Amino acid sequence: MAPRRRSNTGFIGVRLRPAGHFAAEITAGGTRVWLGTFYTKEAAARAYDVAAWRFGRPRHEMNFPEVRSLTEAQSLSTEPLLRSQGEARRYRSGQRRIDTTEADEQFMAQWRRDHPGAVEAERAFWKEKQTYRRERRAGKRQRRAEYEAEYAKGEASTWGENDERWLWHLSSTASEDTPSEDEDFDF
């Protein structure tokens, strides 16, 4: 089976670097993890698949879905090209992140199996919070629509009740409407 084509390199998680090498990255737990720089895009795609297997990703999210296990994926992958100590340090840091994320995901999977009631309670909490937010947004939209309708009729103002502009407006209009002492008005 041919690998799935995704980006300009044709593989998920692989990008071309300016020097002509290929970098592999994966997102795990909201963090982008650098997997290394490789001579070929296929090697970078295989490194991505090894990390995807370690994170328990479904096979449709891998570059080579015909690979059946983590050990098979590891046997097909190659070590990244590490040209400097900085790249080696970055690679080791990425591998530590992968190990930590993998352990976290395994722990959380075990915790979910051991505490199904807590999982349901959390789902109920988030559903209730989502409903509350939707109702609050709907109320804000309704109040905004009512205000805009009043404003269009001329019954509402954009100035608040204690806005200083009211004092300025009232004092300036009062002086214009009130006749001065030397003016004669016919009533």
N, C-alpha and C. Protein backbone atom coordinates (compact mmCIF):
# COMPACT_ATOMS: atom_id res chain seq x y z
N MET A 1 0.85 -1.18 0.00
CA MET A 1 0.00 0.00 0.00
C MET A 1 0.88 1.23 0.00
N ALA A 2 0.59 2.18 -0.83
CA ALA A 2 1.37 3.41 -0.92
C ALA A 2 1.11 4.29 0.29
N PRO A 3 2.13 5.05 0.73
CA PRO A 3 1.92 5.94 1.88
C PRO A 3 0.94 7.04 1.54
N ARG A 4 0.27 7.52 2.57
CA ARG A 4 -0.71 8.60 2.38
C ARG A 4 0.02 9.91 2.15
N ARG A 5 -0.50 10.72 1.29
CA ARG A 5 0.09 12.02 0.98
C ARG A 5 -0.61 13.08 1.82
N ARG A 6 0.16 13.94 2.48
CA ARG A 6 -0.45 14.96 3.33
C ARG A 6 0.06 16.36 3.04
N SER A 7 1.34 16.61 3.26
CA SER A 7 1.84 17.97 3.13
C SER A 7 2.61 18.09 1.82
N ASN A 8 3.39 19.16 1.71
CA ASN A 8 4.17 19.33 0.48
C ASN A 8 5.22 18.24 0.33
N THR A 9 5.60 17.59 1.43
CA THR A 9 6.52 16.46 1.34
C THR A 9 5.77 15.16 1.04
N GLY A 10 4.46 15.19 1.28
CA GLY A 10 3.66 14.00 1.03
C GLY A 10 3.43 13.14 2.26
N PHE A 11 3.93 13.57 3.41
CA PHE A 11 3.80 12.77 4.62
C PHE A 11 3.33 13.63 5.79
N ILE A 12 2.63 12.98 6.71
CA ILE A 12 2.16 13.66 7.93
C ILE A 12 3.37 13.90 8.84
N GLY A 13 3.49 15.11 9.38
CA GLY A 13 4.52 15.42 10.36
C GLY A 13 5.91 15.59 9.79
N VAL A 14 6.05 15.73 8.48
CA VAL A 14 7.36 15.86 7.84
C VAL A 14 7.39 17.16 7.06
N ARG A 15 8.49 17.91 7.22
CA ARG A 15 8.63 19.13 6.43
C ARG A 15 10.06 19.23 5.92
N LEU A 16 10.20 19.92 4.81
CA LEU A 16 11.50 20.11 4.17
C LEU A 16 12.22 21.28 4.84
N ARG A 17 13.47 21.06 5.22
CA ARG A 17 14.28 22.12 5.82
C ARG A 17 15.05 22.84 4.72
N PRO A 18 15.46 24.07 4.96
CA PRO A 18 16.15 24.85 3.92
C PRO A 18 17.41 24.17 3.37
N ALA A 19 18.09 23.37 4.18
CA ALA A 19 19.33 22.72 3.74
C ALA A 19 19.06 21.51 2.85
N GLY A 20 17.79 21.15 2.68
CA GLY A 20 17.46 20.01 1.83
C GLY A 20 17.19 18.73 2.61
N HIS A 21 17.35 18.76 3.93
CA HIS A 21 17.04 17.61 4.76
C HIS A 21 15.57 17.67 5.17
N PHE A 22 15.10 16.64 5.83
CA PHE A 22 13.70 16.58 6.22
C PHE A 22 13.59 16.47 7.74
N ALA A 23 12.71 17.30 8.31
CA ALA A 23 12.48 17.31 9.76
C ALA A 23 11.18 16.59 10.05
N ALA A 24 11.16 15.83 11.14
CA ALA A 24 9.95 15.13 11.57
C ALA A 24 9.53 15.69 12.92
N GLU A 25 8.22 15.98 13.07
CA GLU A 25 7.66 16.50 14.31
C GLU A 25 6.31 15.84 14.54
N ILE A 26 5.93 15.75 15.82
CA ILE A 26 4.62 15.24 16.17
C ILE A 26 4.09 16.09 17.32
N THR A 27 2.78 16.26 17.38
CA THR A 27 2.17 16.99 18.48
C THR A 27 1.67 15.98 19.50
N ALA A 28 2.08 16.17 20.75
CA ALA A 28 1.69 15.25 21.81
C ALA A 28 1.32 16.06 23.04
N GLY A 29 0.10 15.89 23.50
CA GLY A 29 -0.34 16.59 24.70
C GLY A 29 -0.28 18.10 24.55
N GLY A 30 -0.55 18.59 23.34
CA GLY A 30 -0.53 20.03 23.10
C GLY A 30 0.86 20.60 22.89
N THR A 31 1.87 19.75 22.86
CA THR A 31 3.25 20.19 22.69
C THR A 31 3.81 19.59 21.41
N ARG A 32 4.50 20.41 20.63
CA ARG A 32 5.13 19.91 19.42
C ARG A 32 6.48 19.31 19.80
N VAL A 33 6.70 18.05 19.41
CA VAL A 33 7.92 17.34 19.75
C VAL A 33 8.73 17.13 18.48
N TRP A 34 9.97 17.55 18.51
CA TRP A 34 10.86 17.41 17.37
C TRP A 34 11.45 16.02 17.40
N LEU A 35 11.31 15.27 16.32
CA LEU A 35 11.78 13.89 16.26
C LEU A 35 13.14 13.75 15.60
N GLY A 36 13.57 14.75 14.87
CA GLY A 36 14.89 14.70 14.28
C GLY A 36 14.91 15.19 12.84
N THR A 37 16.14 15.27 12.30
CA THR A 37 16.36 15.64 10.91
C THR A 37 16.87 14.40 10.19
N PHE A 38 16.35 14.16 9.00
CA PHE A 38 16.67 12.94 8.26
C PHE A 38 17.09 13.27 6.83
N TYR A 39 17.85 12.36 6.22
CA TYR A 39 18.28 12.56 4.84
C TYR A 39 17.12 12.44 3.85
N THR A 40 16.17 11.55 4.14
CA THR A 40 15.06 11.33 3.20
C THR A 40 13.73 11.59 3.90
N LYS A 41 12.74 11.92 3.10
CA LYS A 41 11.42 12.16 3.67
C LYS A 41 10.78 10.87 4.17
N GLU A 42 11.11 9.74 3.54
CA GLU A 42 10.58 8.45 3.99
C GLU A 42 11.10 8.10 5.39
N ALA A 43 12.39 8.38 5.65
CA ALA A 43 12.95 8.10 6.98
C ALA A 43 12.28 8.99 8.02
N ALA A 44 12.04 10.24 7.68
CA ALA A 44 11.35 11.14 8.61
C ALA A 44 9.93 10.66 8.87
N ALA A 45 9.25 10.18 7.81
CA ALA A 45 7.89 9.68 7.97
C ALA A 45 7.88 8.43 8.84
N ARG A 46 8.88 7.59 8.72
CA ARG A 46 8.96 6.38 9.57
C ARG A 46 9.18 6.78 11.04
N ALA A 47 9.99 7.81 11.28
CA ALA A 47 10.20 8.28 12.66
C ALA A 47 8.89 8.81 13.23
N TYR A 48 8.13 9.53 12.40
CA TYR A 48 6.82 10.02 12.85
C TYR A 48 5.92 8.84 13.22
N ASP A 49 5.92 7.79 12.40
CA ASP A 49 5.08 6.63 12.67
C ASP A 49 5.47 5.92 13.97
N VAL A 50 6.76 5.84 14.26
CA VAL A 50 7.20 5.22 15.52
C VAL A 50 6.62 6.00 16.69
N ALA A 51 6.71 7.33 16.63
CA ALA A 51 6.16 8.16 17.71
C ALA A 51 4.64 8.01 17.77
N ALA A 52 3.99 7.94 16.62
CA ALA A 52 2.53 7.78 16.59
C ALA A 52 2.13 6.44 17.21
N TRP A 53 2.90 5.39 16.93
CA TRP A 53 2.62 4.09 17.56
C TRP A 53 2.78 4.19 19.06
N ARG A 54 3.84 4.88 19.50
CA ARG A 54 4.09 4.99 20.95
C ARG A 54 2.97 5.75 21.64
N PHE A 55 2.34 6.72 20.96
CA PHE A 55 1.25 7.47 21.54
C PHE A 55 -0.09 6.78 21.38
N GLY A 56 -0.12 5.65 20.70
CA GLY A 56 -1.37 4.91 20.54
C GLY A 56 -2.32 5.57 19.55
N ARG A 57 -1.77 6.26 18.57
CA ARG A 57 -2.61 6.90 17.56
C ARG A 57 -3.22 5.84 16.64
N PRO A 58 -4.39 6.12 16.08
CA PRO A 58 -4.99 5.17 15.14
C PRO A 58 -4.16 5.08 13.86
N ARG A 59 -4.26 3.96 13.17
CA ARG A 59 -3.42 3.74 11.99
C ARG A 59 -3.76 4.69 10.85
N HIS A 60 -4.97 5.23 10.81
CA HIS A 60 -5.28 6.17 9.73
C HIS A 60 -4.55 7.51 9.91
N GLU A 61 -3.93 7.74 11.07
CA GLU A 61 -3.16 8.95 11.30
C GLU A 61 -1.66 8.73 11.07
N MET A 62 -1.32 7.59 10.47
CA MET A 62 0.09 7.27 10.24
C MET A 62 0.41 7.35 8.76
N ASN A 63 1.68 7.49 8.47
CA ASN A 63 2.12 7.57 7.09
C ASN A 63 2.13 6.21 6.40
N PHE A 64 2.42 5.16 7.15
CA PHE A 64 2.48 3.82 6.60
C PHE A 64 1.53 2.92 7.40
N PRO A 65 0.23 2.95 7.08
CA PRO A 65 -0.74 2.19 7.88
C PRO A 65 -0.59 0.67 7.74
N GLU A 66 0.20 0.20 6.78
CA GLU A 66 0.36 -1.24 6.62
C GLU A 66 1.29 -1.83 7.68
N VAL A 67 2.04 -0.99 8.39
CA VAL A 67 2.89 -1.46 9.49
C VAL A 67 1.97 -1.88 10.63
N ARG A 68 2.18 -3.08 11.16
CA ARG A 68 1.23 -3.69 12.09
C ARG A 68 1.55 -3.50 13.58
N SER A 69 2.78 -3.10 13.92
CA SER A 69 3.11 -2.98 15.34
C SER A 69 4.21 -1.96 15.56
N LEU A 70 4.41 -1.59 16.83
CA LEU A 70 5.47 -0.65 17.19
C LEU A 70 6.83 -1.24 16.88
N THR A 71 7.04 -2.53 17.19
CA THR A 71 8.34 -3.14 16.94
C THR A 71 8.65 -3.18 15.45
N GLU A 72 7.65 -3.44 14.61
CA GLU A 72 7.87 -3.42 13.16
C GLU A 72 8.22 -2.00 12.70
N ALA A 73 7.52 -1.00 13.25
CA ALA A 73 7.80 0.39 12.88
C ALA A 73 9.21 0.78 13.32
N GLN A 74 9.62 0.34 14.52
CA GLN A 74 10.96 0.66 15.00
C GLN A 74 12.03 -0.02 14.16
N SER A 75 11.77 -1.24 13.70
CA SER A 75 12.77 -1.94 12.89
C SER A 75 12.95 -1.28 11.52
N LEU A 76 11.92 -0.60 11.03
CA LEU A 76 12.01 0.04 9.72
C LEU A 76 12.56 1.46 9.78
N SER A 77 12.60 2.06 10.96
CA SER A 77 13.05 3.46 11.06
C SER A 77 14.56 3.53 11.23
N THR A 78 15.11 4.71 10.93
CA THR A 78 16.55 4.95 11.06
C THR A 78 16.78 6.06 12.07
N GLU A 79 18.01 6.16 12.54
CA GLU A 79 18.36 7.22 13.48
C GLU A 79 18.41 8.55 12.73
N PRO A 80 18.08 9.63 13.40
CA PRO A 80 18.11 10.94 12.73
C PRO A 80 19.55 11.41 12.49
N LEU A 81 19.68 12.33 11.58
CA LEU A 81 20.94 12.96 11.28
C LEU A 81 21.18 14.03 12.34
N LEU A 82 22.21 13.85 13.18
CA LEU A 82 22.52 14.82 14.23
C LEU A 82 23.86 15.46 13.90
N ARG A 83 23.81 16.69 13.41
CA ARG A 83 25.03 17.34 12.94
C ARG A 83 25.73 18.16 14.00
N SER A 84 25.10 18.42 15.12
CA SER A 84 25.73 19.24 16.15
C SER A 84 25.26 18.77 17.53
N GLN A 85 25.95 19.27 18.54
CA GLN A 85 25.55 18.92 19.90
C GLN A 85 24.19 19.50 20.22
N GLY A 86 23.88 20.67 19.65
CA GLY A 86 22.57 21.29 19.87
C GLY A 86 21.44 20.42 19.32
N GLU A 87 21.65 19.87 18.13
CA GLU A 87 20.63 18.98 17.56
C GLU A 87 20.51 17.71 18.37
N ALA A 88 21.64 17.18 18.86
CA ALA A 88 21.60 15.97 19.69
C ALA A 88 20.84 16.24 20.98
N ARG A 89 21.09 17.39 21.59
CA ARG A 89 20.40 17.77 22.82
C ARG A 89 18.90 17.92 22.56
N ARG A 90 18.56 18.56 21.44
CA ARG A 90 17.16 18.74 21.08
C ARG A 90 16.48 17.39 20.82
N TYR A 91 17.19 16.48 20.20
CA TYR A 91 16.66 15.14 19.94
C TYR A 91 16.40 14.40 21.26
N ARG A 92 17.39 14.43 22.17
CA ARG A 92 17.21 13.76 23.47
C ARG A 92 16.06 14.38 24.25
N SER A 93 15.93 15.71 24.19
CA SER A 93 14.81 16.39 24.86
C SER A 93 13.48 15.93 24.28
N GLY A 94 13.40 15.82 22.97
CA GLY A 94 12.18 15.34 22.32
C GLY A 94 11.85 13.91 22.73
N GLN A 95 12.88 13.07 22.82
CA GLN A 95 12.66 11.69 23.23
C GLN A 95 12.16 11.61 24.67
N ARG A 96 12.70 12.48 25.55
CA ARG A 96 12.21 12.51 26.94
C ARG A 96 10.75 12.95 26.98
N ARG A 97 10.39 13.94 26.16
CA ARG A 97 8.98 14.37 26.10
C ARG A 97 8.09 13.24 25.62
N ILE A 98 8.55 12.52 24.63
CA ILE A 98 7.76 11.39 24.12
C ILE A 98 7.57 10.36 25.23
N ASP A 99 8.65 10.03 25.94
CA ASP A 99 8.54 9.05 27.04
C ASP A 99 7.57 9.53 28.11
N THR A 100 7.67 10.81 28.48
CA THR A 100 6.78 11.36 29.51
C THR A 100 5.33 11.35 29.05
N THR A 101 5.09 11.79 27.83
CA THR A 101 3.73 11.82 27.31
C THR A 101 3.16 10.42 27.18
N GLU A 102 3.98 9.48 26.75
CA GLU A 102 3.54 8.10 26.63
C GLU A 102 3.14 7.55 28.01
N ALA A 103 3.98 7.81 29.02
CA ALA A 103 3.66 7.36 30.38
C ALA A 103 2.39 8.03 30.89
N ASP A 104 2.23 9.33 30.63
CA ASP A 104 1.02 10.05 31.04
C ASP A 104 -0.23 9.45 30.41
N GLU A 105 -0.15 9.18 29.12
CA GLU A 105 -1.32 8.63 28.43
C GLU A 105 -1.65 7.23 28.93
N GLN A 106 -0.63 6.42 29.21
CA GLN A 106 -0.89 5.10 29.77
C GLN A 106 -1.51 5.20 31.15
N PHE A 107 -0.99 6.11 31.97
CA PHE A 107 -1.54 6.30 33.31
C PHE A 107 -3.00 6.75 33.24
N MET A 108 -3.28 7.73 32.38
CA MET A 108 -4.65 8.23 32.27
C MET A 108 -5.60 7.16 31.74
N ALA A 109 -5.14 6.33 30.81
CA ALA A 109 -5.98 5.24 30.31
C ALA A 109 -6.30 4.27 31.44
N GLN A 110 -5.29 3.95 32.25
CA GLN A 110 -5.52 3.05 33.39
C GLN A 110 -6.46 3.70 34.41
N TRP A 111 -6.27 4.99 34.67
CA TRP A 111 -7.11 5.70 35.63
C TRP A 111 -8.56 5.71 35.15
N ARG A 112 -8.77 5.94 33.84
CA ARG A 112 -10.14 5.94 33.30
C ARG A 112 -10.79 4.58 33.46
N ARG A 113 -10.00 3.51 33.28
CA ARG A 113 -10.56 2.16 33.47
C ARG A 113 -10.91 1.91 34.93
N ASP A 114 -10.07 2.41 35.85
CA ASP A 114 -10.28 2.18 37.27
C ASP A 114 -11.36 3.07 37.88
N HIS A 115 -11.62 4.24 37.30
CA HIS A 115 -12.55 5.21 37.86
C HIS A 115 -13.58 5.67 36.83
N PRO A 116 -14.45 4.80 36.37
CA PRO A 116 -15.42 5.21 35.35
C PRO A 116 -16.41 6.26 35.86
N GLY A 117 -16.73 6.21 37.17
CA GLY A 117 -17.65 7.20 37.74
C GLY A 117 -17.09 8.61 37.67
N ALA A 118 -15.79 8.73 37.92
CA ALA A 118 -15.15 10.04 37.86
C ALA A 118 -15.13 10.57 36.43
N VAL A 119 -14.95 9.67 35.49
CA VAL A 119 -14.95 10.08 34.08
C VAL A 119 -16.33 10.61 33.70
N GLU A 120 -17.37 9.90 34.12
CA GLU A 120 -18.74 10.35 33.83
C GLU A 120 -19.04 11.67 34.52
N ALA A 121 -18.57 11.82 35.76
CA ALA A 121 -18.79 13.08 36.48
C ALA A 121 -18.09 14.24 35.77
N GLU A 122 -16.90 14.00 35.26
CA GLU A 122 -16.18 15.06 34.54
C GLU A 122 -16.91 15.42 33.25
N ARG A 123 -17.37 14.41 32.53
CA ARG A 123 -18.14 14.68 31.31
C ARG A 123 -19.40 15.49 31.61
N ALA A 124 -20.09 15.12 32.70
CA ALA A 124 -21.31 15.84 33.09
C ALA A 124 -20.97 17.28 33.46
N PHE A 125 -19.86 17.46 34.18
CA PHE A 125 -19.43 18.82 34.56
C PHE A 125 -19.21 19.68 33.32
N TRP A 126 -18.45 19.15 32.35
CA TRP A 126 -18.14 19.94 31.16
C TRP A 126 -19.38 20.18 30.30
N LYS A 127 -20.29 19.21 30.29
CA LYS A 127 -21.52 19.41 29.53
C LYS A 127 -22.36 20.51 30.17
N GLU A 128 -22.44 20.49 31.51
CA GLU A 128 -23.19 21.52 32.23
C GLU A 128 -22.54 22.90 32.03
N LYS A 129 -21.21 22.95 32.06
CA LYS A 129 -20.51 24.22 31.85
C LYS A 129 -20.75 24.72 30.43
N GLN A 130 -20.75 23.83 29.46
CA GLN A 130 -21.00 24.22 28.08
C GLN A 130 -22.42 24.76 27.93
N THR A 131 -23.39 24.11 28.56
CA THR A 131 -24.77 24.57 28.51
C THR A 131 -24.89 25.95 29.16
N TYR A 132 -24.24 26.14 30.29
CA TYR A 132 -24.26 27.43 30.98
C TYR A 132 -23.69 28.53 30.09
N ARG A 133 -22.56 28.23 29.45
CA ARG A 133 -21.94 29.23 28.57
C ARG A 133 -22.83 29.57 27.38
N ARG A 134 -23.46 28.55 26.81
CA ARG A 134 -24.36 28.80 25.67
C ARG A 134 -25.53 29.67 26.10
N GLU A 135 -26.11 29.37 27.27
CA GLU A 135 -27.24 30.18 27.75
C GLU A 135 -26.79 31.61 28.03
N ARG A 136 -25.60 31.75 28.61
CA ARG A 136 -25.09 33.09 28.90
C ARG A 136 -24.86 33.88 27.62
N ARG A 137 -24.28 33.23 26.61
CA ARG A 137 -24.07 33.90 25.32
C ARG A 137 -25.39 34.28 24.68
N ALA A 138 -26.37 33.36 24.77
CA ALA A 138 -27.68 33.65 24.18
C ALA A 138 -28.34 34.83 24.89
N GLY A 139 -28.21 34.89 26.22
CA GLY A 139 -28.75 36.02 26.98
C GLY A 139 -28.08 37.32 26.59
N LYS A 140 -26.76 37.29 26.42
CA LYS A 140 -26.05 38.50 26.01
C LYS A 140 -26.51 38.95 24.63
N ARG A 141 -26.66 37.99 23.72
CA ARG A 141 -27.12 38.33 22.37
C ARG A 141 -28.52 38.93 22.40
N GLN A 142 -29.38 38.36 23.25
CA GLN A 142 -30.75 38.87 23.35
C GLN A 142 -30.76 40.28 23.93
N ARG A 143 -29.99 40.50 25.00
CA ARG A 143 -29.92 41.84 25.59
C ARG A 143 -29.34 42.84 24.59
N ARG A 144 -28.35 42.42 23.84
CA ARG A 144 -27.74 43.29 22.84
C ARG A 144 -28.76 43.65 21.75
N ALA A 145 -29.54 42.66 21.31
CA ALA A 145 -30.55 42.92 20.27
C ALA A 145 -31.62 43.88 20.80
N GLU A 146 -32.06 43.69 22.06
CA GLU A 146 -33.05 44.58 22.65
C GLU A 146 -32.51 46.00 22.74
N TYR A 147 -31.25 46.14 23.17
CA TYR A 147 -30.64 47.46 23.28
C TYR A 147 -30.54 48.13 21.91
N GLU A 148 -30.10 47.36 20.90
CA GLU A 148 -29.97 47.93 19.56
C GLU A 148 -31.33 48.36 19.01
N ALA A 149 -32.40 47.61 19.34
CA ALA A 149 -33.73 48.00 18.90
C ALA A 149 -34.16 49.30 19.59
N GLU A 150 -33.89 49.42 20.89
CA GLU A 150 -34.20 50.65 21.61
C GLU A 150 -33.39 51.82 21.07
N TYR A 151 -32.13 51.57 20.79
CA TYR A 151 -31.26 52.63 20.28
C TYR A 151 -31.73 53.10 18.90
N ALA A 152 -32.16 52.16 18.08
CA ALA A 152 -32.66 52.52 16.75
C ALA A 152 -33.91 53.38 16.85
N LYS A 153 -34.74 53.15 17.86
CA LYS A 153 -35.94 53.95 18.06
C LYS A 153 -35.63 55.30 18.71
N GLY A 154 -34.43 55.43 19.26
CA GLY A 154 -34.06 56.66 19.96
C GLY A 154 -34.37 56.61 21.43
N GLU A 155 -34.67 55.42 21.95
CA GLU A 155 -35.03 55.29 23.37
C GLU A 155 -33.84 54.96 24.25
N ALA A 156 -32.70 54.69 23.66
CA ALA A 156 -31.54 54.30 24.46
C ALA A 156 -30.33 55.12 24.04
N SER A 157 -29.34 55.17 24.90
CA SER A 157 -28.11 55.90 24.61
C SER A 157 -26.93 54.97 24.81
N THR A 158 -25.85 55.30 24.14
CA THR A 158 -24.63 54.51 24.33
C THR A 158 -23.88 54.96 25.57
N TRP A 159 -24.28 56.08 26.15
CA TRP A 159 -23.63 56.55 27.36
C TRP A 159 -24.26 55.88 28.57
N GLY A 160 -23.43 55.52 29.55
CA GLY A 160 -23.92 54.93 30.77
C GLY A 160 -24.58 55.95 31.66
N GLU A 161 -25.21 55.46 32.72
CA GLU A 161 -25.97 56.32 33.63
C GLU A 161 -25.09 57.36 34.31
N ASN A 162 -23.87 56.99 34.70
CA ASN A 162 -22.97 57.90 35.42
C ASN A 162 -21.87 58.45 34.53
N ASP A 163 -22.11 58.48 33.25
CA ASP A 163 -21.10 58.97 32.30
C ASP A 163 -20.97 60.49 32.43
N GLU A 164 -19.71 60.97 32.49
CA GLU A 164 -19.46 62.40 32.63
C GLU A 164 -19.92 63.20 31.43
N ARG A 165 -20.06 62.57 30.29
CA ARG A 165 -20.51 63.28 29.10
C ARG A 165 -21.93 63.80 29.26
N TRP A 166 -22.74 63.13 30.12
CA TRP A 166 -24.10 63.63 30.38
C TRP A 166 -24.04 65.02 31.00
N LEU A 167 -23.13 65.19 31.99
CA LEU A 167 -23.02 66.49 32.65
C LEU A 167 -22.64 67.57 31.64
N TRP A 168 -21.68 67.25 30.79
CA TRP A 168 -21.26 68.22 29.77
C TRP A 168 -22.41 68.51 28.82
N HIS A 169 -23.11 67.47 28.38
CA HIS A 169 -24.20 67.64 27.44
C HIS A 169 -25.34 68.46 28.05
N LEU A 170 -25.72 68.09 29.28
CA LEU A 170 -26.82 68.82 29.93
C LEU A 170 -26.44 70.27 30.21
N SER A 171 -25.21 70.51 30.62
CA SER A 171 -24.80 71.89 30.90
C SER A 171 -24.72 72.71 29.61
N SER A 172 -24.28 72.12 28.51
CA SER A 172 -24.18 72.87 27.26
C SER A 172 -25.56 73.11 26.66
N THR A 173 -26.47 72.16 26.75
CA THR A 173 -27.82 72.37 26.20
C THR A 173 -28.62 73.30 27.09
N ALA A 174 -28.38 73.25 28.39
CA ALA A 174 -29.09 74.15 29.31
C ALA A 174 -28.72 75.59 29.03
N SER A 175 -27.48 75.87 28.76
CA SER A 175 -27.08 77.25 28.49
C SER A 175 -27.63 77.73 27.16
N GLU A 176 -27.80 76.81 26.19
CA GLU A 176 -28.35 77.21 24.90
C GLU A 176 -29.86 77.47 25.00
N ASP A 177 -30.59 76.69 25.78
CA ASP A 177 -32.05 76.80 25.88
C ASP A 177 -32.50 77.91 26.82
N THR A 178 -31.69 78.21 27.80
CA THR A 178 -32.08 79.21 28.79
C THR A 178 -31.74 80.60 28.26
N PRO A 179 -32.72 81.51 28.26
CA PRO A 179 -32.42 82.87 27.76
C PRO A 179 -31.53 83.62 28.74
N SER A 180 -30.68 84.41 28.19
CA SER A 180 -29.84 85.24 29.06
C SER A 180 -30.69 86.41 29.57
N GLU A 181 -30.16 87.13 30.54
CA GLU A 181 -30.94 88.19 31.16
C GLU A 181 -31.20 89.36 30.22
N ASP A 182 -30.30 89.59 29.29
CA ASP A 182 -30.47 90.75 28.40
C ASP A 182 -31.27 90.44 27.15
N GLU A 183 -31.68 89.21 26.95
CA GLU A 183 -32.47 88.87 25.76
C GLU A 183 -33.96 89.05 26.06
N ASP A 184 -34.71 89.52 25.08
CA ASP A 184 -36.17 89.66 25.22
C ASP A 184 -36.83 88.50 24.49
N PHE A 185 -37.77 87.91 25.16
CA PHE A 185 -38.53 86.82 24.56
C PHE A 185 -40.00 87.13 24.64
N ASP A 186 -40.69 86.84 23.60
CA ASP A 186 -42.14 87.01 23.61
C ASP A 186 -42.78 85.69 23.97
N PHE A 187 -43.58 85.75 24.98
CA PHE A 187 -44.30 84.53 25.39
C PHE A 187 -45.73 84.68 25.13
